[in-house]
Amino acid sequence: MPRRSAALDRATPEAIAVAALRILDEQGPGHLSFRTLADRLEVSHATVQRRCVDLAGLLDLCTEHLAGQLPEIPAGTDWAQAAEARFRALYQLLTAHPGLLVLRGGRPWLGRQLLARLVEPSLADSVAAGMTAAEAMTVYRRMYLLTLGSAAFVDHRDPAAATAASRAALAALDPEEFPVLSGGLPDVLPALTDHEVYYGALRQLIEAARPAAARPASARPAGAAAPAGVAAPGQVAAPGQAGPPAGDTRSTTRT
């Protein structure tokens, strides 16, 4: 029976992910390497490389570790509530680890945990509510890209520093050329780091995309039902009906 490696026992995928995220959070993305990770775990550089192969593999371990913390939404949960819960949780995980977003860049996030806890249940809920698979994917992508972009462009762990940097840049503008930006700093700056900007936009996307089958009766005023054969804006058209696909916000809220 082959002997187990003590180094590999210490450098488990979970241990590597935890250590890598700590380096990213404490020192920044410029300090993450196989060598710094090996020093943190007290193993050899080769041991870490054996587990991860390359940087992409290391980042996959990190994202899988975080995706495992996404909530499992109980069956029967309202479509809109489930969508908001999933993407709020993703946003909170991403804003807690901005260095990971910097390094991942445009790499696709296709790990099993993310697919099982976010992508598949999101699509399944939408299809069950009446969307086609294509419509469900479009709605998912809109919420996913909103979440990724909102988390990526501000270091929400240090809002004071982000605000100070923006204040200095805007204060240097020529007031005649940029009257709103330079003259309205007290009103402009708070939105840069306010989480409610994201949460509000997410709710708008969800409400615009909510399929007819998932829309509560209380949200449809008396006499406001769509005419036979026509889907109301933001609702899913039944077979043979005309109307915008689910998630088409061109006739509803723009975000």
Protein backbone atom coordinates (compact mmCIF):
# COMPACT_ATOMS: atom_id res chain seq x y z
CA MET A 1 0.00 0.00 0.00
CA PRO A 2 1.59 3.35 -1.01
CA ARG A 3 2.61 5.70 1.79
CA ARG A 4 0.58 8.89 2.20
CA SER A 5 2.48 12.13 1.89
CA ALA A 6 2.36 14.26 5.03
CA ALA A 7 2.82 17.36 2.87
CA LEU A 8 -0.15 16.46 0.68
CA ASP A 9 -2.20 15.79 3.79
CA ARG A 10 -1.50 19.37 4.91
CA ALA A 11 -1.96 20.84 1.46
CA THR A 12 -5.52 19.69 0.85
CA PRO A 13 -7.58 21.60 -1.74
CA GLU A 14 -9.54 23.18 1.11
CA ALA A 15 -6.42 24.22 3.01
CA ILE A 16 -4.88 25.67 -0.15
CA ALA A 17 -8.02 27.68 -0.91
CA VAL A 18 -8.27 29.06 2.64
CA ALA A 19 -4.58 30.00 2.72
CA ALA A 20 -4.69 31.58 -0.75
CA LEU A 21 -7.73 33.70 0.15
CA ARG A 22 -6.02 34.88 3.32
CA ILE A 23 -2.97 35.97 1.34
CA LEU A 24 -5.20 37.80 -1.14
CA ASP A 25 -7.16 39.51 1.63
CA GLU A 26 -4.19 40.41 3.82
CA GLN A 27 -1.51 41.25 1.25
CA GLY A 28 -3.26 41.70 -2.10
CA PRO A 29 -3.20 39.81 -5.41
CA GLY A 30 0.40 40.78 -6.16
CA HIS A 31 1.63 38.62 -3.28
CA LEU A 32 -0.08 35.36 -4.19
CA SER A 33 2.25 32.77 -5.68
CA PHE A 34 2.96 29.08 -5.24
CA ARG A 35 5.97 30.00 -3.11
CA THR A 36 4.14 32.32 -0.72
CA LEU A 37 1.37 29.74 -0.49
CA ALA A 38 3.85 26.96 0.20
CA ASP A 39 5.46 29.04 2.96
CA ARG A 40 2.05 29.67 4.53
CA LEU A 41 1.22 25.94 4.48
CA GLU A 42 4.76 24.85 5.44
CA VAL A 43 5.09 22.58 2.43
CA SER A 44 7.23 22.64 -0.70
CA HIS A 45 6.49 24.70 -3.79
CA ALA A 46 6.27 21.42 -5.71
CA THR A 47 3.55 20.12 -3.39
CA VAL A 48 1.34 23.12 -4.07
CA GLN A 49 1.96 22.87 -7.80
CA ARG A 50 1.10 19.18 -7.70
CA ARG A 51 -2.33 20.07 -6.29
CA CYS A 52 -3.06 23.09 -8.50
CA VAL A 53 -0.92 22.63 -11.65
CA ASP A 54 -1.07 26.37 -12.46
CA LEU A 55 -2.58 29.70 -11.36
CA ALA A 56 -5.89 28.92 -13.05
CA GLY A 57 -6.14 25.72 -11.03
CA LEU A 58 -5.37 27.60 -7.82
CA LEU A 59 -8.04 30.20 -8.53
CA ASP A 60 -10.52 27.42 -9.32
CA LEU A 61 -9.89 25.95 -5.87
CA CYS A 62 -10.59 29.36 -4.32
CA THR A 63 -13.82 29.93 -6.20
CA GLU A 64 -15.02 26.41 -5.46
CA HIS A 65 -14.34 26.98 -1.77
CA LEU A 66 -16.41 30.17 -1.81
CA ALA A 67 -19.18 28.66 -3.94
CA GLY A 68 -19.60 25.97 -1.31
CA GLN A 69 -20.79 28.71 1.04
CA LEU A 70 -23.66 29.78 -1.23
CA PRO A 71 -27.05 28.98 0.29
CA GLU A 72 -29.20 26.05 -0.74
CA ILE A 73 -32.63 27.56 -1.29
CA PRO A 74 -35.54 25.38 -0.08
CA ALA A 75 -37.86 23.99 -2.74
CA GLY A 76 -41.02 26.00 -3.16
CA THR A 77 -39.41 29.35 -2.37
CA ASP A 78 -40.89 32.26 -4.33
CA TRP A 79 -38.97 32.71 -7.60
CA ALA A 80 -38.01 36.34 -6.92
CA GLN A 81 -37.01 35.66 -3.31
CA ALA A 82 -34.84 32.72 -4.37
CA ALA A 83 -33.12 34.73 -7.10
CA GLU A 84 -32.40 37.64 -4.75
CA ALA A 85 -31.11 35.35 -1.99
CA ARG A 86 -28.70 33.57 -4.34
CA PHE A 87 -27.23 36.68 -5.92
CA ARG A 88 -27.05 38.68 -2.68
CA ALA A 89 -25.02 35.83 -1.22
CA LEU A 90 -22.72 35.74 -4.25
CA TYR A 91 -22.23 39.51 -4.08
CA GLN A 92 -21.34 39.34 -0.39
CA LEU A 93 -18.77 36.60 -1.00
CA LEU A 94 -17.17 38.47 -3.90
CA THR A 95 -16.99 41.84 -2.13
CA ALA A 96 -15.31 40.12 0.81
CA HIS A 97 -12.48 38.90 -1.47
CA PRO A 98 -11.76 41.58 -4.11
CA GLY A 99 -8.27 40.25 -4.80
CA LEU A 100 -9.75 37.04 -6.18
CA LEU A 101 -11.79 39.01 -8.71
CA VAL A 102 -8.68 40.87 -9.84
CA LEU A 103 -6.81 37.64 -10.58
CA ARG A 104 -9.69 35.72 -12.12
CA GLY A 105 -10.33 38.42 -14.71
CA GLY A 106 -12.30 36.98 -17.61
CA ARG A 107 -11.75 33.32 -16.72
CA PRO A 108 -15.03 31.37 -16.78
CA TRP A 109 -16.41 30.18 -13.44
CA LEU A 110 -17.42 26.60 -14.19
CA GLY A 111 -16.61 24.72 -11.00
CA ARG A 112 -19.02 22.06 -9.81
CA GLN A 113 -19.99 23.89 -6.61
CA LEU A 114 -20.88 27.09 -8.45
CA LEU A 115 -22.84 25.18 -11.08
CA ALA A 116 -24.67 23.12 -8.44
CA ARG A 117 -25.46 25.90 -5.96
CA LEU A 118 -26.06 28.87 -8.27
CA VAL A 119 -26.34 28.18 -11.99
CA GLU A 120 -28.38 24.97 -12.16
CA PRO A 121 -30.93 25.88 -9.45
CA SER A 122 -31.35 29.38 -10.90
CA LEU A 123 -32.07 27.97 -14.35
CA ALA A 124 -34.28 25.19 -12.99
CA ASP A 125 -36.41 27.64 -10.99
CA SER A 126 -36.87 29.87 -14.01
CA VAL A 127 -37.82 27.00 -16.30
CA ALA A 128 -40.26 25.70 -13.68
CA ALA A 129 -41.81 29.18 -13.55
CA GLY A 130 -42.48 29.13 -17.29
CA MET A 131 -39.34 30.38 -19.05
CA THR A 132 -37.61 28.59 -21.88
CA ALA A 133 -34.03 27.48 -21.23
CA ALA A 134 -32.77 30.34 -23.41
CA GLU A 135 -34.84 32.91 -21.52
CA ALA A 136 -33.71 31.47 -18.19
CA MET A 137 -30.05 31.73 -19.21
CA THR A 138 -30.50 35.33 -20.37
CA VAL A 139 -32.07 36.31 -17.06
CA TYR A 140 -29.33 34.49 -15.14
CA ARG A 141 -26.56 36.19 -17.13
CA ARG A 142 -27.99 39.64 -16.52
CA MET A 143 -28.06 39.12 -12.76
CA TYR A 144 -24.64 37.43 -12.78
CA LEU A 145 -22.95 40.20 -14.77
CA LEU A 146 -24.56 42.89 -12.59
CA THR A 147 -23.23 41.10 -9.51
CA LEU A 148 -19.75 40.56 -10.90
CA GLY A 149 -19.39 44.14 -12.11
CA SER A 150 -20.76 45.67 -8.91
CA ALA A 151 -18.32 43.66 -6.81
CA ALA A 152 -15.30 44.18 -9.05
CA PHE A 153 -14.96 47.94 -9.43
CA VAL A 154 -14.83 49.08 -5.78
CA ASP A 155 -12.95 47.62 -2.83
CA HIS A 156 -15.94 47.43 -0.50
CA ARG A 157 -13.75 46.26 2.37
CA ASP A 158 -12.31 49.78 2.63
CA PRO A 159 -15.04 52.21 1.54
CA ALA A 160 -13.37 55.16 3.24
CA ALA A 161 -10.24 54.78 1.12
CA ALA A 162 -12.28 54.28 -2.06
CA THR A 163 -14.31 57.40 -1.29
CA ALA A 164 -11.20 59.45 -0.49
CA ALA A 165 -9.53 58.47 -3.77
CA SER A 166 -12.66 59.36 -5.75
CA ARG A 167 -13.05 62.63 -3.85
CA ALA A 168 -9.48 63.67 -4.69
CA ALA A 169 -9.93 62.83 -8.38
CA LEU A 170 -13.26 64.65 -8.70
CA ALA A 171 -12.10 67.68 -6.72
CA ALA A 172 -9.34 68.21 -9.29
CA LEU A 173 -11.82 68.57 -12.15
CA ASP A 174 -12.49 71.89 -13.84
CA PRO A 175 -15.88 73.07 -12.46
CA GLU A 176 -16.78 74.70 -15.76
CA GLU A 177 -16.25 71.47 -17.68
CA PHE A 178 -17.69 69.14 -15.03
CA PRO A 179 -20.21 71.24 -13.06
CA VAL A 180 -22.25 68.32 -11.69
CA LEU A 181 -19.33 66.11 -10.67
CA SER A 182 -17.27 68.90 -9.11
CA GLY A 183 -20.18 70.79 -7.57
CA GLY A 184 -22.15 67.86 -6.22
CA LEU A 185 -19.54 65.79 -4.37
CA PRO A 186 -21.68 65.27 -1.23
CA ASP A 187 -24.42 63.80 -3.40
CA VAL A 188 -22.27 61.89 -5.88
CA LEU A 189 -19.74 60.15 -3.63
CA PRO A 190 -22.01 58.06 -1.36
CA ALA A 191 -23.37 56.04 -4.29
CA LEU A 192 -19.86 54.79 -5.13
CA THR A 193 -19.70 52.52 -2.10
CA ASP A 194 -23.36 52.13 -1.16
CA HIS A 195 -24.34 48.44 -1.33
CA GLU A 196 -27.95 49.46 -1.83
CA VAL A 197 -27.05 50.63 -5.35
CA TYR A 198 -26.42 46.98 -6.21
CA TYR A 199 -29.33 45.58 -4.21
CA GLY A 200 -31.74 48.05 -5.79
CA ALA A 201 -30.52 47.25 -9.30
CA LEU A 202 -30.79 43.51 -8.58
CA ARG A 203 -34.38 43.90 -7.41
CA GLN A 204 -35.21 45.89 -10.56
CA LEU A 205 -33.78 43.17 -12.78
CA ILE A 206 -35.65 40.49 -10.88
CA GLU A 207 -38.95 42.32 -11.00
CA ALA A 208 -38.58 43.04 -14.73
CA ALA A 209 -37.77 39.38 -15.42
CA ARG A 210 -40.31 37.80 -13.07
CA PRO A 211 -42.31 35.30 -15.13
CA ALA A 212 -46.11 35.46 -15.13
CA ALA A 213 -46.38 32.17 -13.26
CA ALA A 214 -44.21 33.55 -10.45
CA ARG A 215 -45.90 36.95 -10.24
CA PRO A 216 -48.17 37.23 -7.18
CA ALA A 217 -51.82 38.03 -7.84
CA SER A 218 -51.51 41.08 -5.58
CA ALA A 219 -49.00 42.55 -8.02
CA ARG A 220 -51.56 42.45 -10.84
CA PRO A 221 -54.20 45.16 -10.44
CA ALA A 222 -57.79 44.20 -11.19
CA GLY A 223 -58.42 44.30 -14.92
CA ALA A 224 -54.69 44.45 -15.70
CA ALA A 225 -54.43 40.94 -17.15
CA ALA A 226 -52.84 40.75 -20.56
CA PRO A 227 -55.25 40.34 -23.48
CA ALA A 228 -55.70 36.82 -24.80
CA GLY A 229 -52.78 35.87 -27.01
CA VAL A 230 -50.51 38.69 -25.77
CA ALA A 231 -48.01 38.52 -22.92
CA ALA A 232 -47.72 41.56 -20.68
CA PRO A 233 -44.31 43.34 -20.61
CA GLY A 234 -41.84 41.45 -18.42
CA GLN A 235 -43.93 38.25 -18.51
CA VAL A 236 -43.28 35.03 -20.34
CA ALA A 237 -45.26 34.53 -23.52
CA ALA A 238 -47.07 31.21 -23.60
CA PRO A 239 -46.77 29.11 -26.75
CA GLY A 240 -48.40 31.00 -29.58
CA GLN A 241 -48.39 34.33 -27.75
CA ALA A 242 -46.61 37.46 -28.85
CA GLY A 243 -44.54 39.52 -26.47
CA PRO A 244 -41.04 40.14 -25.20
CA PRO A 245 -39.15 37.16 -23.76
CA ALA A 246 -38.75 36.88 -20.03
CA GLY A 247 -36.09 39.24 -18.78
CA ASP A 248 -36.44 41.63 -21.74
CA THR A 249 -36.25 44.97 -19.96
CA ARG A 250 -36.55 47.15 -23.03
CA SER A 251 -40.20 47.81 -22.30
CA THR A 252 -39.84 47.83 -18.52
CA THR A 253 -37.10 48.98 -16.18
CA ARG A 254 -33.70 49.89 -17.58
CA THR A 255 -30.76 49.17 -15.34
